[in-house]
Each structure stands twice: as C-alpha cells, then as structure tokens.
Amino acid sequence: MTAEECMELMRNDLIEGHLSVAEIADKYCNCASSELRDLLISKLEELRRLYNYKRIIND
C-alpha cells in the first residue's frame, strides 16, 4: 500500500468516526516508533477537530 492510499484510508476512518485516533494510528502504522505514533495521533486529533468545525459550519 502506498503512503497516499494509507492516508486516504486513515482520512476515511477519521471522517466516519467509528474508531478513535489511537485505533486509526495503530491500524495503519503498526510498525512505527512510539514517538511517530504519538505525533500521528496528535495530527489526527487536530484533523478531526477541523472536520468537526467544517461539519458545524456546513450545517
């Protein structure tokens, strides 16, 4: 799987909201170091907040 495909799948899981950001990070980056995992989780949390703001504005 390419990095672009992986990012698209993570974005879709994030938008669907069925998984926590930690679960998404673990699902797609199981071989990452703990520092990289923590960074990915913080970026996914930020992205989720942005999607939530967008959803609120568009409603």
Protein backbone atom coordinates (compact mmCIF):
# COMPACT_ATOMS: atom_id res chain seq x y z
CA MET A 1 0.00 0.00 0.00
CA THR A 2 1.35 3.42 -0.91
CA ALA A 3 1.55 6.29 1.57
CA GLU A 4 -1.19 8.11 -0.37
CA GLU A 5 -3.52 5.10 -0.15
CA CYS A 6 -2.78 4.76 3.56
CA MET A 7 -3.54 8.46 4.17
CA GLU A 8 -6.82 8.18 2.24
CA LEU A 9 -7.89 5.19 4.34
CA MET A 10 -6.94 6.99 7.57
CA ARG A 11 -8.89 10.07 6.46
CA ASN A 12 -11.95 7.96 5.66
CA ASP A 13 -11.80 6.23 9.06
CA LEU A 14 -11.40 9.62 10.73
CA ILE A 15 -14.45 11.08 8.96
CA GLU A 16 -16.60 8.02 9.69
CA GLY A 17 -15.80 8.42 13.39
CA HIS A 18 -16.11 4.75 14.33
CA LEU A 19 -12.51 4.50 15.54
CA SER A 20 -10.51 6.60 17.95
CA VAL A 21 -7.45 8.37 16.59
CA ALA A 22 -5.24 5.94 18.54
CA GLU A 23 -7.02 2.99 16.92
CA ILE A 24 -6.55 4.54 13.48
CA ALA A 25 -2.84 5.13 14.14
CA ASP A 26 -2.41 1.54 15.33
CA LYS A 27 -4.41 0.13 12.41
CA TYR A 28 -2.29 1.76 9.70
CA CYS A 29 1.10 2.35 11.35
CA ASN A 30 1.67 -0.72 13.49
CA CYS A 31 5.44 -0.69 12.91
CA ALA A 32 6.02 2.98 13.80
CA SER A 33 8.07 4.07 16.78
CA SER A 34 6.20 5.36 19.83
CA GLU A 35 7.30 8.93 19.05
CA LEU A 36 5.99 8.71 15.48
CA ARG A 37 2.75 7.13 16.73
CA ASP A 38 2.24 9.95 19.24
CA LEU A 39 2.88 12.57 16.56
CA LEU A 40 0.42 10.88 14.20
CA ILE A 41 -2.21 10.74 16.95
CA SER A 42 -1.85 14.46 17.67
CA LYS A 43 -2.12 15.31 13.95
CA LEU A 44 -5.17 13.07 13.54
CA GLU A 45 -6.84 14.72 16.57
CA GLU A 46 -6.20 18.13 15.01
CA LEU A 47 -7.61 16.95 11.67
CA ARG A 48 -10.69 15.50 13.39
CA ARG A 49 -11.34 18.87 15.08
CA LEU A 50 -11.08 20.62 11.70
CA TYR A 51 -13.55 18.17 10.14
CA ASN A 52 -15.92 18.75 13.06
CA TYR A 53 -15.68 22.54 12.60
CA LYS A 54 -16.35 22.12 8.89
CA ARG A 55 -19.38 19.93 9.64
CA ILE A 56 -20.75 22.55 12.07
CA ILE A 57 -20.25 25.39 9.60
CA ASN A 58 -21.90 23.47 6.76
CA ASP A 59 -24.98 22.52 8.81
